[in-house]
Amino acid sequence: MLPTEGKTVPPRYRYEQIADDLAERISSGEFPPGSKLPSRRELIEQYEVTEPVIDRAMQVLRIKGMTETLPGVGVFVRE
């Protein structure tokens, strides 16, 4: 019996899905190093979620070392 057999996989949180999507877009070169990510408002509209969900996704990318935030300026892909 496989370790996952008979077990349900817990649903992924929306912020995790968004962080993974943005990470993939960064890795693919859609957002190259040094580029600015879309604004919080644009991401809210694009993903149809609330502000805290986007904030959490941005936090995940920051923790992974993929982005840096310049207060009052925006979120940028790290060089």
N, C-alpha and C. Protein backbone atom coordinates (compact mmCIF):
# COMPACT_ATOMS: atom_id res chain seq x y z
N MET A 1 0.85 -1.19 0.00
CA MET A 1 0.00 0.00 0.00
C MET A 1 0.89 1.25 0.00
N LEU A 2 0.57 2.18 -0.88
CA LEU A 2 1.33 3.43 -0.96
C LEU A 2 1.02 4.31 0.24
N PRO A 3 1.98 5.17 0.64
CA PRO A 3 1.74 6.04 1.81
C PRO A 3 0.53 6.95 1.64
N THR A 4 0.21 7.32 0.40
CA THR A 4 -0.92 8.23 0.20
C THR A 4 -2.22 7.49 -0.09
N GLU A 5 -2.14 6.19 -0.25
CA GLU A 5 -3.34 5.42 -0.57
C GLU A 5 -4.32 5.45 0.59
N GLY A 6 -5.57 5.69 0.26
CA GLY A 6 -6.61 5.74 1.28
C GLY A 6 -6.65 7.04 2.05
N LYS A 7 -5.76 7.96 1.71
CA LYS A 7 -5.75 9.26 2.39
C LYS A 7 -6.18 10.33 1.40
N THR A 8 -6.85 11.32 1.90
CA THR A 8 -7.22 12.42 1.02
C THR A 8 -6.15 13.49 1.12
N VAL A 9 -5.89 14.12 0.01
CA VAL A 9 -4.92 15.21 -0.01
C VAL A 9 -5.65 16.47 0.43
N PRO A 10 -5.11 17.18 1.43
CA PRO A 10 -5.82 18.37 1.89
C PRO A 10 -5.85 19.43 0.78
N PRO A 11 -6.92 20.18 0.71
CA PRO A 11 -7.00 21.22 -0.32
C PRO A 11 -5.93 22.28 -0.08
N ARG A 12 -5.41 22.84 -1.16
CA ARG A 12 -4.40 23.88 -1.03
C ARG A 12 -5.11 25.22 -0.84
N TYR A 13 -4.51 26.04 -0.02
CA TYR A 13 -5.07 27.36 0.19
C TYR A 13 -4.89 28.19 -1.06
N ARG A 14 -5.79 29.12 -1.29
CA ARG A 14 -5.76 29.96 -2.49
C ARG A 14 -4.46 30.77 -2.55
N TYR A 15 -3.98 31.27 -1.41
CA TYR A 15 -2.75 32.06 -1.42
C TYR A 15 -1.57 31.22 -1.90
N GLU A 16 -1.58 29.91 -1.58
CA GLU A 16 -0.50 29.02 -2.04
C GLU A 16 -0.56 28.85 -3.56
N GLN A 17 -1.77 28.71 -4.08
CA GLN A 17 -1.94 28.57 -5.53
C GLN A 17 -1.45 29.83 -6.24
N ILE A 18 -1.78 30.98 -5.70
CA ILE A 18 -1.37 32.26 -6.30
C ILE A 18 0.15 32.42 -6.22
N ALA A 19 0.72 32.10 -5.06
CA ALA A 19 2.18 32.20 -4.90
C ALA A 19 2.88 31.27 -5.89
N ASP A 20 2.36 30.05 -6.06
CA ASP A 20 2.95 29.11 -7.00
C ASP A 20 2.82 29.61 -8.44
N ASP A 21 1.67 30.19 -8.76
CA ASP A 21 1.46 30.72 -10.11
C ASP A 21 2.44 31.87 -10.39
N LEU A 22 2.55 32.79 -9.44
CA LEU A 22 3.48 33.91 -9.62
C LEU A 22 4.93 33.43 -9.67
N ALA A 23 5.27 32.44 -8.86
CA ALA A 23 6.63 31.89 -8.88
C ALA A 23 6.93 31.28 -10.25
N GLU A 24 5.95 30.58 -10.81
CA GLU A 24 6.12 29.98 -12.14
C GLU A 24 6.29 31.08 -13.20
N ARG A 25 5.51 32.14 -13.07
CA ARG A 25 5.59 33.25 -14.02
C ARG A 25 6.95 33.95 -13.91
N ILE A 26 7.50 34.01 -12.70
CA ILE A 26 8.84 34.60 -12.50
C ILE A 26 9.88 33.67 -13.13
N SER A 27 9.78 32.37 -12.84
CA SER A 27 10.74 31.40 -13.37
C SER A 27 10.73 31.32 -14.89
N SER A 28 9.55 31.50 -15.47
CA SER A 28 9.43 31.41 -16.93
C SER A 28 9.96 32.66 -17.64
N GLY A 29 10.23 33.72 -16.86
CA GLY A 29 10.74 34.94 -17.46
C GLY A 29 9.68 35.98 -17.76
N GLU A 30 8.43 35.66 -17.47
CA GLU A 30 7.37 36.66 -17.67
C GLU A 30 7.66 37.90 -16.83
N PHE A 31 8.16 37.66 -15.62
CA PHE A 31 8.61 38.75 -14.75
C PHE A 31 10.10 38.54 -14.51
N PRO A 32 10.95 39.14 -15.33
CA PRO A 32 12.40 38.93 -15.18
C PRO A 32 12.96 39.63 -13.94
N PRO A 33 14.18 39.26 -13.53
CA PRO A 33 14.81 39.91 -12.37
C PRO A 33 14.82 41.43 -12.51
N GLY A 34 14.46 42.09 -11.43
CA GLY A 34 14.42 43.55 -11.42
C GLY A 34 13.08 44.14 -11.84
N SER A 35 12.20 43.30 -12.38
CA SER A 35 10.91 43.83 -12.83
C SER A 35 9.93 43.96 -11.66
N LYS A 36 8.99 44.84 -11.84
CA LYS A 36 7.97 45.10 -10.83
C LYS A 36 6.78 44.20 -11.08
N LEU A 37 6.28 43.57 -10.03
CA LEU A 37 5.08 42.76 -10.15
C LEU A 37 3.86 43.67 -10.25
N PRO A 38 2.74 43.15 -10.76
CA PRO A 38 1.53 43.97 -10.79
C PRO A 38 1.17 44.45 -9.39
N SER A 39 0.43 45.55 -9.33
CA SER A 39 0.03 46.12 -8.04
C SER A 39 -0.91 45.18 -7.31
N ARG A 40 -1.05 45.41 -6.03
CA ARG A 40 -1.97 44.62 -5.21
C ARG A 40 -3.38 44.66 -5.81
N ARG A 41 -3.81 45.84 -6.20
CA ARG A 41 -5.15 46.00 -6.77
C ARG A 41 -5.30 45.17 -8.06
N GLU A 42 -4.26 45.21 -8.91
CA GLU A 42 -4.31 44.42 -10.16
C GLU A 42 -4.36 42.93 -9.86
N LEU A 43 -3.59 42.48 -8.88
CA LEU A 43 -3.58 41.06 -8.53
C LEU A 43 -4.92 40.63 -7.93
N ILE A 44 -5.52 41.48 -7.13
CA ILE A 44 -6.84 41.19 -6.55
C ILE A 44 -7.85 40.98 -7.66
N GLU A 45 -7.83 41.85 -8.66
CA GLU A 45 -8.75 41.73 -9.78
C GLU A 45 -8.43 40.51 -10.64
N GLN A 46 -7.15 40.28 -10.89
CA GLN A 46 -6.74 39.17 -11.75
C GLN A 46 -7.11 37.82 -11.15
N TYR A 47 -6.86 37.65 -9.85
CA TYR A 47 -7.12 36.36 -9.20
C TYR A 47 -8.48 36.29 -8.51
N GLU A 48 -9.19 37.40 -8.50
CA GLU A 48 -10.53 37.47 -7.90
C GLU A 48 -10.52 36.99 -6.44
N VAL A 49 -9.64 37.61 -5.66
CA VAL A 49 -9.52 37.29 -4.23
C VAL A 49 -9.48 38.58 -3.42
N THR A 50 -9.38 38.44 -2.12
CA THR A 50 -9.33 39.61 -1.24
C THR A 50 -7.88 40.03 -0.99
N GLU A 51 -7.73 41.21 -0.44
CA GLU A 51 -6.41 41.77 -0.16
C GLU A 51 -5.55 40.87 0.74
N PRO A 52 -6.09 40.32 1.84
CA PRO A 52 -5.26 39.47 2.69
C PRO A 52 -4.71 38.24 1.95
N VAL A 53 -5.44 37.72 0.98
CA VAL A 53 -4.97 36.56 0.22
C VAL A 53 -3.75 36.95 -0.60
N ILE A 54 -3.79 38.10 -1.25
CA ILE A 54 -2.65 38.58 -2.04
C ILE A 54 -1.47 38.88 -1.12
N ASP A 55 -1.75 39.51 0.01
CA ASP A 55 -0.67 39.82 0.97
C ASP A 55 0.04 38.54 1.41
N ARG A 56 -0.72 37.50 1.66
CA ARG A 56 -0.13 36.22 2.10
C ARG A 56 0.70 35.60 0.98
N ALA A 57 0.20 35.66 -0.25
CA ALA A 57 0.95 35.13 -1.39
C ALA A 57 2.26 35.89 -1.56
N MET A 58 2.21 37.21 -1.39
CA MET A 58 3.42 38.02 -1.51
C MET A 58 4.42 37.67 -0.41
N GLN A 59 3.89 37.37 0.78
CA GLN A 59 4.74 36.98 1.90
C GLN A 59 5.47 35.67 1.58
N VAL A 60 4.77 34.73 0.97
CA VAL A 60 5.38 33.45 0.59
C VAL A 60 6.53 33.68 -0.38
N LEU A 61 6.31 34.52 -1.40
CA LEU A 61 7.36 34.80 -2.39
C LEU A 61 8.56 35.49 -1.74
N ARG A 62 8.28 36.38 -0.79
CA ARG A 62 9.35 37.09 -0.09
C ARG A 62 10.17 36.10 0.75
N ILE A 63 9.49 35.20 1.46
CA ILE A 63 10.17 34.20 2.29
C ILE A 63 11.03 33.28 1.42
N LYS A 64 10.55 32.95 0.24
CA LYS A 64 11.31 32.09 -0.69
C LYS A 64 12.49 32.84 -1.31
N GLY A 65 12.58 34.15 -1.07
CA GLY A 65 13.67 34.93 -1.60
C GLY A 65 13.51 35.32 -3.06
N MET A 66 12.30 35.23 -3.57
CA MET A 66 12.05 35.53 -4.98
C MET A 66 11.76 37.00 -5.24
N THR A 67 11.25 37.68 -4.21
CA THR A 67 10.87 39.09 -4.38
C THR A 67 11.37 39.92 -3.22
N GLU A 68 11.36 41.22 -3.43
CA GLU A 68 11.61 42.16 -2.34
C GLU A 68 10.62 43.31 -2.48
N THR A 69 10.21 43.84 -1.35
CA THR A 69 9.22 44.90 -1.33
C THR A 69 9.89 46.22 -0.97
N LEU A 70 9.62 47.22 -1.75
CA LEU A 70 10.07 48.57 -1.44
C LEU A 70 8.83 49.35 -1.03
N PRO A 71 8.68 49.64 0.27
CA PRO A 71 7.47 50.30 0.76
C PRO A 71 7.14 51.56 -0.04
N GLY A 72 5.88 51.64 -0.45
CA GLY A 72 5.41 52.79 -1.20
C GLY A 72 5.79 52.77 -2.67
N VAL A 73 6.57 51.77 -3.07
CA VAL A 73 7.02 51.68 -4.47
C VAL A 73 6.43 50.45 -5.15
N GLY A 74 6.60 49.27 -4.52
CA GLY A 74 6.07 48.05 -5.10
C GLY A 74 6.88 46.83 -4.74
N VAL A 75 6.48 45.72 -5.36
CA VAL A 75 7.15 44.44 -5.15
C VAL A 75 7.94 44.14 -6.42
N PHE A 76 9.22 43.79 -6.24
CA PHE A 76 10.11 43.56 -7.37
C PHE A 76 10.70 42.16 -7.31
N VAL A 77 10.97 41.59 -8.48
CA VAL A 77 11.64 40.30 -8.58
C VAL A 77 13.10 40.53 -8.23
N ARG A 78 13.61 39.68 -7.34
CA ARG A 78 15.02 39.84 -6.92
C ARG A 78 15.95 39.53 -8.06
N GLU A 79 17.06 40.23 -8.05
CA GLU A 79 18.10 40.03 -9.09
C GLU A 79 18.79 38.69 -8.91
